Protein backbone atom coordinates (compact mmCIF):
# COMPACT_ATOMS: atom_id res chain seq x y z
CA MET A 1 -24.17 69.15 14.79
CA THR A 2 -21.73 69.03 17.65
CA LEU A 3 -18.04 68.50 17.15
CA ALA A 4 -18.18 65.18 19.02
CA ARG A 5 -20.92 63.86 16.79
CA LEU A 6 -19.01 64.96 13.70
CA ALA A 7 -15.91 63.18 14.94
CA LEU A 8 -17.93 60.05 15.58
CA ILE A 9 -19.40 60.10 12.08
CA LEU A 10 -15.94 60.64 10.58
CA ALA A 11 -14.51 57.76 12.59
CA ALA A 12 -17.35 55.48 11.49
CA ALA A 13 -16.77 56.48 7.86
CA LEU A 14 -13.07 55.77 8.16
CA ALA A 15 -13.77 52.41 9.79
CA ALA A 16 -16.18 51.52 7.04
CA GLY A 17 -13.51 52.43 4.52
CA CYS A 18 -10.87 50.17 6.07
CA THR A 19 -10.10 46.54 5.37
CA GLN A 20 -8.21 44.24 7.70
CA VAL A 21 -6.06 41.41 6.32
CA ASP A 22 -5.55 38.66 8.90
CA THR A 23 -2.43 36.63 9.56
CA GLY A 24 -1.99 33.85 7.01
CA ASN A 25 -3.84 35.81 4.33
CA ILE A 26 -2.85 38.44 1.79
CA GLY A 27 -4.74 41.37 0.33
CA ILE A 28 -5.32 42.10 -3.34
CA SER A 29 -5.73 45.80 -4.07
CA ARG A 30 -7.83 47.06 -6.97
CA THR A 31 -8.05 50.72 -7.90
CA PHE A 32 -10.70 51.56 -10.50
CA GLY A 33 -10.62 47.92 -11.61
CA LYS A 34 -6.84 47.69 -11.99
CA VAL A 35 -5.18 44.95 -9.93
CA ASP A 36 -2.03 45.87 -8.03
CA PRO A 37 0.61 43.18 -8.84
CA ASP A 38 2.04 43.35 -5.31
CA PRO A 39 0.12 41.46 -2.59
CA LEU A 40 -0.63 43.28 0.67
CA PRO A 41 0.68 41.61 3.85
CA PRO A 42 -1.51 41.26 6.98
CA GLY A 43 -2.61 44.62 8.36
CA VAL A 44 -5.32 47.31 8.15
CA TYR A 45 -5.71 49.24 4.91
CA LEU A 46 -7.73 52.31 3.94
CA SER A 47 -10.07 51.36 1.14
CA VAL A 48 -11.92 54.55 0.36
CA ILE A 49 -10.88 54.83 -3.28
CA ARG A 50 -9.67 51.28 -3.69
CA ARG A 51 -10.98 47.84 -2.89
CA VAL A 52 -8.96 45.30 -0.92
CA ASP A 53 -9.98 41.65 -1.19
CA GLU A 54 -8.63 39.17 1.37
CA PHE A 55 -7.36 35.85 -0.02
CA THR A 56 -6.15 32.94 2.04
CA ALA A 57 -2.56 31.77 1.73
CA LYS A 58 -3.14 28.99 4.25
CA GLU A 59 -3.67 25.33 3.46
CA VAL A 60 -7.07 24.70 1.91
CA SER A 61 -8.86 21.36 1.91
CA PHE A 62 -11.82 20.09 -0.05
CA SER A 63 -13.39 16.70 -0.75
CA LEU A 64 -14.28 14.90 -3.96
CA MET A 65 -17.24 12.66 -3.20
CA ASP A 66 -19.10 9.74 -4.77
CA MET A 67 -16.74 9.21 -7.70
CA THR A 68 -17.04 6.03 -9.78
CA PRO A 69 -13.81 5.71 -11.78
CA LYS A 70 -12.74 2.58 -13.66
CA SER A 71 -9.76 0.50 -12.61
CA ARG A 72 -7.03 -0.96 -14.81
CA ASP A 73 -8.95 -4.24 -15.10
CA ASN A 74 -11.92 -2.24 -16.48
CA LEU A 75 -14.07 -2.59 -13.34
CA THR A 76 -16.10 0.38 -12.13
CA MET A 77 -15.56 1.40 -8.51
CA LYS A 78 -18.74 1.79 -6.48
CA ASP A 79 -17.73 4.82 -4.38
CA VAL A 80 -14.46 6.74 -4.09
CA ASP A 81 -14.05 9.73 -1.74
CA ILE A 82 -10.81 11.73 -1.74
CA ASP A 83 -9.62 14.66 0.40
CA ILE A 84 -7.30 17.17 -1.31
CA TYR A 85 -5.06 19.64 0.55
CA PHE A 86 -3.27 22.48 -1.24
CA LYS A 87 -1.75 25.94 -0.74
CA VAL A 88 -1.35 28.92 -3.04
CA SER A 89 1.89 30.91 -3.11
CA PRO A 90 1.12 34.43 -1.76
CA ALA A 91 3.29 36.07 -4.43
CA ALA A 92 1.33 34.29 -7.18
CA ILE A 93 -2.16 35.32 -6.01
CA PRO A 94 -2.34 38.73 -7.78
CA ALA A 95 -1.47 37.19 -11.17
CA LEU A 96 -3.82 34.27 -10.52
CA TYR A 97 -6.58 36.72 -9.64
CA VAL A 98 -6.15 38.45 -13.00
CA LYS A 99 -6.12 35.08 -14.77
CA TYR A 100 -8.98 33.44 -12.82
CA GLN A 101 -11.22 36.38 -11.83
CA GLY A 102 -14.32 34.28 -12.43
CA ASP A 103 -12.94 31.42 -10.33
CA VAL A 104 -13.08 32.82 -6.79
CA VAL A 105 -15.03 31.25 -3.91
CA ARG A 106 -15.20 31.69 -0.18
CA HIS A 107 -13.60 29.00 1.94
CA ALA A 108 -16.93 28.49 3.73
CA ASP A 109 -18.51 27.57 0.38
CA ILE A 110 -16.30 24.49 -0.05
CA VAL A 111 -15.67 23.42 3.55
CA GLN A 112 -18.30 23.14 6.26
CA GLY A 113 -17.40 25.58 9.01
CA GLY A 114 -14.88 27.34 6.76
CA SER A 115 -13.91 31.01 6.90
CA ARG A 116 -14.96 33.99 4.80
CA ASP A 117 -11.50 34.13 3.22
CA LEU A 118 -11.40 33.98 -0.56
CA VAL A 119 -9.88 31.00 -2.38
CA ILE A 120 -8.47 31.56 -5.84
CA ALA A 121 -8.81 29.09 -8.75
CA TYR A 122 -10.76 26.54 -6.73
CA SER A 123 -12.74 25.27 -9.72
CA ARG A 124 -9.58 24.69 -11.67
CA VAL A 125 -7.85 22.84 -8.84
CA SER A 126 -10.88 20.66 -8.09
CA ARG A 127 -11.35 19.84 -11.78
CA GLU A 128 -7.71 18.81 -12.16
CA ALA A 129 -7.93 16.84 -8.91
CA ARG A 130 -10.89 14.83 -10.17
CA GLU A 131 -9.03 14.08 -13.40
CA ALA A 132 -5.95 13.01 -11.41
CA VAL A 133 -8.08 10.60 -9.36
CA TYR A 134 -9.56 8.95 -12.44
CA LYS A 135 -6.16 8.65 -14.15
CA SER A 136 -4.47 7.21 -11.05
CA ILE A 137 -7.16 4.62 -10.33
CA ALA A 138 -7.01 3.53 -13.98
CA GLN A 139 -3.43 2.37 -13.28
CA LEU A 140 -4.39 -0.07 -10.49
CA ASP A 141 -6.43 -3.28 -10.40
CA ALA A 142 -9.66 -3.16 -8.41
CA THR A 143 -8.90 -6.51 -6.76
CA THR A 144 -5.73 -5.18 -5.09
CA MET A 145 -6.38 -1.43 -4.92
CA HIS A 146 -7.59 -1.54 -1.30
CA THR A 147 -4.10 -2.69 -0.24
CA LYS A 148 -2.41 0.26 -1.98
CA ARG A 149 -4.05 3.33 -0.44
CA VAL A 150 -0.73 5.03 0.34
CA GLU A 151 0.55 4.38 -3.18
CA LEU A 152 -2.72 5.65 -4.68
CA SER A 153 -2.61 8.84 -2.58
CA GLU A 154 0.89 9.62 -3.82
CA MET A 155 -0.05 8.87 -7.43
CA ILE A 156 -2.95 11.34 -7.21
CA ARG A 157 -0.80 14.00 -5.53
CA VAL A 158 1.94 13.76 -8.16
CA ALA A 159 -0.54 13.75 -11.05
CA LEU A 160 -2.38 16.81 -9.69
CA GLN A 161 0.83 18.71 -8.98
CA THR A 162 2.07 18.00 -12.50
CA GLU A 163 -1.11 19.34 -14.08
CA LEU A 164 -1.14 22.50 -11.95
CA ASP A 165 2.52 23.19 -12.72
CA ALA A 166 1.89 22.77 -16.44
CA THR A 167 0.26 26.21 -16.70
CA ASP A 168 0.98 27.88 -13.33
CA LYS A 169 4.46 26.74 -12.33
CA GLY A 170 5.10 27.17 -8.61
CA ALA A 171 1.74 28.85 -7.92
CA PHE A 172 0.10 25.82 -6.26
CA THR A 173 1.48 23.22 -3.88
CA VAL A 174 -0.47 20.01 -3.32
CA THR A 175 0.41 19.28 0.31
CA ALA A 176 -1.48 16.02 0.83
CA VAL A 177 -4.05 13.60 -0.55
CA ASN A 178 -6.14 11.33 1.63
CA VAL A 179 -8.02 8.31 0.25
CA ARG A 180 -10.96 8.37 2.65
CA ASN A 181 -13.31 5.90 1.00
CA LEU A 182 -12.53 3.20 -1.55
CA LEU A 183 -15.45 0.86 -2.19
CA THR A 184 -15.67 -1.68 -4.95
CA ASP A 185 -18.72 -3.35 -6.46
CA PRO A 186 -20.00 -6.39 -4.46
CA ALA A 187 -19.06 -8.62 -7.39
CA ILE A 188 -15.51 -7.28 -7.19
CA GLU A 189 -15.45 -7.90 -3.44
CA ALA A 190 -16.34 -11.53 -4.13
CA ALA A 191 -13.54 -11.69 -6.70
CA ILE A 192 -11.11 -10.26 -4.13
CA ARG A 193 -12.07 -12.95 -1.61
CA GLN A 194 -11.81 -15.66 -4.27
CA ARG A 195 -8.39 -14.41 -5.27
CA ALA A 196 -7.23 -14.40 -1.65
CA GLU A 197 -8.45 -17.98 -1.19
CA THR A 198 -6.73 -19.04 -4.42
CA ASP A 199 -3.49 -17.39 -3.34
CA GLN A 200 -3.66 -19.21 0.00
CA ALA A 201 -4.31 -22.56 -1.72
CA ILE A 202 -1.37 -21.98 -4.06
CA GLU A 203 0.84 -21.16 -1.11
CA ARG A 204 -0.19 -24.35 0.71
CA LYS A 205 0.54 -26.46 -2.40
CA ARG A 206 3.90 -24.76 -2.82
CA LYS A 207 4.86 -25.63 0.75
CA GLU A 208 3.70 -29.22 0.23
CA VAL A 209 5.86 -29.51 -2.91
CA GLU A 210 8.84 -28.07 -1.07
CA LEU A 211 8.31 -30.54 1.80
CA ALA A 212 8.02 -33.50 -0.60
CA LYS A 213 11.13 -32.36 -2.43
CA ALA A 214 13.05 -32.09 0.82
CA GLU A 215 11.89 -35.60 1.87
CA ALA A 216 12.88 -37.04 -1.51
CA GLU A 217 16.29 -35.44 -1.26
CA ARG A 218 16.68 -36.90 2.23
CA LEU A 219 15.83 -40.40 1.00
CA ILE A 220 18.24 -40.06 -1.90
CA VAL A 221 21.03 -39.02 0.42
CA GLU A 222 20.18 -41.90 2.78
CA ALA A 223 20.15 -44.43 -0.08
CA GLU A 224 23.42 -43.14 -1.47
CA GLY A 225 24.98 -43.42 1.97
CA GLN A 226 23.75 -47.02 2.39
CA ALA A 227 24.99 -47.97 -1.07
CA ARG A 228 28.37 -46.46 -0.32
CA ALA A 229 28.56 -48.41 2.95
CA ASN A 230 27.66 -51.66 1.16
CA ARG A 231 30.38 -51.09 -1.43
CA ILE A 232 32.93 -50.48 1.29
CA ILE A 233 31.89 -53.69 3.09
CA ALA A 234 31.92 -55.73 -0.13
CA GLU A 235 35.34 -54.41 -1.15
CA SER A 236 36.82 -55.17 2.29
CA MET A 237 35.34 -58.71 2.58
CA THR A 238 38.16 -61.39 2.39
CA PRO A 239 37.43 -65.18 2.15
CA ALA A 240 38.24 -65.57 5.83
CA LEU A 241 35.92 -62.76 6.84
CA ARG A 242 33.24 -64.22 4.60
CA ASP A 243 33.47 -67.62 6.36
CA ILE A 244 33.29 -65.91 9.74
CA ARG A 245 30.22 -63.97 8.69
CA ILE A 246 28.55 -67.17 7.39
CA ALA A 247 29.27 -68.92 10.69
CA GLU A 248 27.76 -65.98 12.58
CA ILE A 249 24.62 -66.18 10.48
CA GLN A 250 24.34 -69.96 11.06
CA ARG A 251 24.79 -69.50 14.78
CA GLU A 252 22.11 -66.82 14.92
CA ALA A 253 19.76 -69.10 12.99
CA ALA A 254 20.51 -72.06 15.29
CA VAL A 255 19.87 -70.01 18.41
CA ALA A 256 16.58 -68.82 16.97
CA LEU A 257 15.49 -72.41 16.15
CA ALA A 258 16.63 -73.83 19.48
CA SER A 259 14.52 -71.32 21.34
CA LYS A 260 11.33 -72.90 19.96
CA PRO A 261 9.80 -75.97 21.69
CA GLY A 262 10.30 -79.35 19.91
CA ASN A 263 13.39 -78.30 17.96
CA THR A 264 16.79 -79.93 18.41
CA VAL A 265 19.89 -78.35 17.01
CA VAL A 266 23.14 -80.35 16.68
CA VAL A 267 26.18 -78.32 15.74
CA GLY A 268 29.07 -80.26 14.25
CA SER A 269 32.72 -79.60 14.86
CA GLY A 270 35.51 -79.07 12.42
CA ALA A 271 34.45 -79.73 8.85
CA ALA A 272 31.31 -81.65 9.84
CA THR A 273 28.07 -80.32 8.52
CA PRO A 274 25.76 -79.02 11.25
CA ILE A 275 22.70 -81.21 11.77
CA VAL A 276 19.42 -79.43 12.50
CA ASN A 277 16.48 -81.56 13.60
CA LEU A 278 13.32 -79.66 12.77
CA GLY A 279 10.92 -82.50 13.47
CA GLY A 280 11.45 -82.80 17.21
CA ALA A 281 11.76 -86.13 19.19
CA ARG A 282 9.69 -89.05 17.94
């Protein structure tokens, strides 16, 4: 065997015994089954007598599909699809690996087109996420849930984060929750439409009542003003002014009668009583 061939074989053996940890990931070193508590940063490591597993520390997403939780009004949702986004603290991965050795999957196994990087505690996170979805939806009514997607997303995120922190404080961070699909039963959809129509009818009636109330108040104000004016006139009316007003009324009546054919109006002078001939000339 030539020296060149020997060198080539040695180089190939060394390459086969090396593991590369990419940017955004960390390595977990195991020597004879014992896990090193310190994570390995990105780089190339010799793994002849030890094994180095590459875990992702980047954001991981997965979807919960075709869920049928019950709402607060005890109605079963037809189809709920939720996207969950979370990250694992790099410093926590070695301890999590010891704790969840049987709960390791490749990213490509949970996301189409994913990488070969390992994801720690995926089953636990997805299980808690599903429970958070069911608990959160149980706090909202099915008839109004579709208008509260943002609120529902935050409720799920907070509930999931709380559960993960209960046993692994600071190890996981739920970065986002997306309510992708939120379908109710057709009967519920009909109830939603009926409720919307009822709300609109109530609003129309409320506006009609307010308009009628405003009109009534206007009439009351107008009547009070007229009554006040009449009192002022009555209080200021002297006998002389009363006689003048009576004379004005008689004059207006005489003018009106005289304007009609066949009527003769004779107005007296002084204290004489006016004579009105309504029969016309004979």
